[in-house]
C-alpha atoms as a PDB file:
ATOM      1  CA  UNK A   1     162.117 -64.237-154.005  1.00  0.00           C
ATOM      2  CA  UNK A   2     163.306 -61.018-152.415  1.00  0.00           C
ATOM      3  CA  UNK A   3     160.676 -58.360-151.760  1.00  0.00           C
ATOM      4  CA  UNK A   4     160.872 -54.993-153.488  1.00  0.00           C
ATOM      5  CA  UNK A   5     161.014 -51.664-151.728  1.00  0.00           C
ATOM      6  CA  UNK A   6     158.416 -49.036-152.611  1.00  0.00           C
ATOM      7  CA  UNK A   7     160.911 -47.146-154.788  1.00  0.00           C
ATOM      8  CA  UNK A   8     161.998 -50.313-156.592  1.00  0.00           C
ATOM      9  CA  UNK A   9     158.340 -51.153-157.263  1.00  0.00           C
ATOM     10  CA  UNK A  10     157.761 -47.672-158.696  1.00  0.00           C
ATOM     11  CA  UNK A  11     160.666 -48.082-161.117  1.00  0.00           C
ATOM     12  CA  UNK A  12     159.371 -51.492-162.208  1.00  0.00           C
ATOM     13  CA  UNK A  13     155.818 -50.145-162.607  1.00  0.00           C
ATOM     14  CA  UNK A  14     157.084 -47.266-164.773  1.00  0.00           C
ATOM     15  CA  UNK A  15     159.033 -49.700-166.958  1.00  0.00           C
ATOM     16  CA  UNK A  16     155.966 -51.949-167.343  1.00  0.00           C
ATOM     17  CA  UNK A  17     153.700 -48.972-168.113  1.00  0.00           C
ATOM     18  CA  UNK A  18     156.137 -47.524-170.647  1.00  0.00           C
ATOM     19  CA  UNK A  19     156.535 -50.825-172.505  1.00  0.00           C
ATOM     20  CA  UNK A  20     152.774 -51.382-172.520  1.00  0.00           C
ATOM     21  CA  UNK A  21     152.065 -47.923-173.970  1.00  0.00           C
ATOM     22  CA  UNK A  22     155.012 -47.582-176.360  1.00  0.00           C
ATOM     23  CA  UNK A  23     155.902 -51.108-177.414  1.00  0.00           C
ATOM     24  CA  UNK A  24     159.559 -50.700-176.453  1.00  0.00           C
ATOM     25  CA  UNK A  25     161.476 -50.204-173.230  1.00  0.00           C
ATOM     26  CA  UNK A  26     162.356 -46.801-171.785  1.00  0.00           C
ATOM     27  CA  UNK A  27     165.804 -45.335-171.321  1.00  0.00           C
ATOM     28  CA  UNK A  28     167.104 -44.614-167.844  1.00  0.00           C
ATOM     29  CA  UNK A  29     166.624 -40.904-168.538  1.00  0.00           C
ATOM     30  CA  UNK A  30     162.962 -41.423-169.511  1.00  0.00           C
ATOM     31  CA  UNK A  31     162.335 -43.437-166.335  1.00  0.00           C
ATOM     32  CA  UNK A  32     163.994 -40.706-164.257  1.00  0.00           C
ATOM     33  CA  UNK A  33     161.855 -38.016-165.908  1.00  0.00           C
ATOM     34  CA  UNK A  34     158.641 -39.964-165.315  1.00  0.00           C
ATOM     35  CA  UNK A  35     159.561 -40.442-161.642  1.00  0.00           C
ATOM     36  CA  UNK A  36     160.934 -36.914-161.215  1.00  0.00           C
ATOM     37  CA  UNK A  37     164.192 -38.470-160.056  1.00  0.00           C
ATOM     38  CA  UNK A  38     167.822 -38.425-161.118  1.00  0.00           C
ATOM     39  CA  UNK A  39     169.354 -40.959-163.492  1.00  0.00           C
ATOM     40  CA  UNK A  40     171.862 -42.259-160.948  1.00  0.00           C
ATOM     41  CA  UNK A  41     169.120 -43.224-158.479  1.00  0.00           C
ATOM     42  CA  UNK A  42     167.142 -44.962-161.238  1.00  0.00           C
ATOM     43  CA  UNK A  43     170.261 -46.795-162.434  1.00  0.00           C
ATOM     44  CA  UNK A  44     170.949 -48.049-158.890  1.00  0.00           C
ATOM     45  CA  UNK A  45     167.378 -49.315-158.519  1.00  0.00           C
ATOM     46  CA  UNK A  46     167.546 -51.011-161.918  1.00  0.00           C
ATOM     47  CA  UNK A  47     170.710 -52.846-160.849  1.00  0.00           C
ATOM     48  CA  UNK A  48     168.849 -54.128-157.795  1.00  0.00           C
ATOM     49  CA  UNK A  49     165.825 -55.137-159.901  1.00  0.00           C
ATOM     50  CA  UNK A  50     168.143 -57.063-162.199  1.00  0.00           C
ATOM     51  CA  UNK A  51     169.920 -58.673-159.244  1.00  0.00           C
ATOM     52  CA  UNK A  52     166.545 -59.745-157.795  1.00  0.00           C
ATOM     53  CA  UNK A  53     165.487 -61.233-161.141  1.00  0.00           C
ATOM     54  CA  UNK A  54     162.717 -58.787-162.082  1.00  0.00           C
ATOM     55  CA  UNK A  55     164.344 -57.337-165.205  1.00  0.00           C
ATOM     56  CA  UNK A  56     167.189 -58.046-167.584  1.00  0.00           C
ATOM     57  CA  UNK A  57     169.216 -55.569-169.613  1.00  0.00           C
ATOM     58  CA  UNK A  58     172.106 -55.645-172.041  1.00  0.00           C
ATOM     59  CA  UNK A  59     174.891 -53.492-170.637  1.00  0.00           C
ATOM     60  CA  UNK A  60     175.688 -50.474-172.764  1.00  0.00           C
ATOM     61  CA  UNK A  61     172.630 -50.869-174.964  1.00  0.00           C
ATOM     62  CA  UNK A  62     169.666 -48.505-174.917  1.00  0.00           C
ATOM     63  CA  UNK A  63     166.087 -49.793-174.768  1.00  0.00           C
ATOM     64  CA  UNK A  64     166.999 -53.386-173.861  1.00  0.00           C
ATOM     65  CA  UNK A  65     165.059 -53.710-170.586  1.00  0.00           C
ATOM     66  CA  UNK A  66     162.977 -56.879-170.419  1.00  0.00           C
ATOM     67  CA  UNK A  67     160.488 -57.655-167.661  1.00  0.00           C
ATOM     68  CA  UNK A  68     161.085 -61.116-166.196  1.00  0.00           C
ATOM     69  CA  UNK A  69     158.624 -60.894-163.278  1.00  0.00           C
ATOM     70  CA  UNK A  70     155.632 -58.609-162.763  1.00  0.00           C
ATOM     71  CA  UNK A  71     155.318 -56.208-159.873  1.00  0.00           C
ATOM     72  CA  UNK A  72     154.326 -57.990-156.672  1.00  0.00           C
ATOM     73  CA  UNK A  73     150.698 -57.626-155.710  1.00  0.00           C
END
């Protein structure tokens, strides 16, 4: 399993937190707002998280992020 960078971990933690507190997954814009980042940077990190097997999404669909692996300890 490939290790996550600090920024990738933060994105994954925000996704996990959001799902836990709201019962559904966040949009890229919501993640960006929570991290005080821009949507492009979040999108890039999400692609990497998906490539590394931490999340799955359905392209073109909002609120379809699923956690496949928890944040590394």
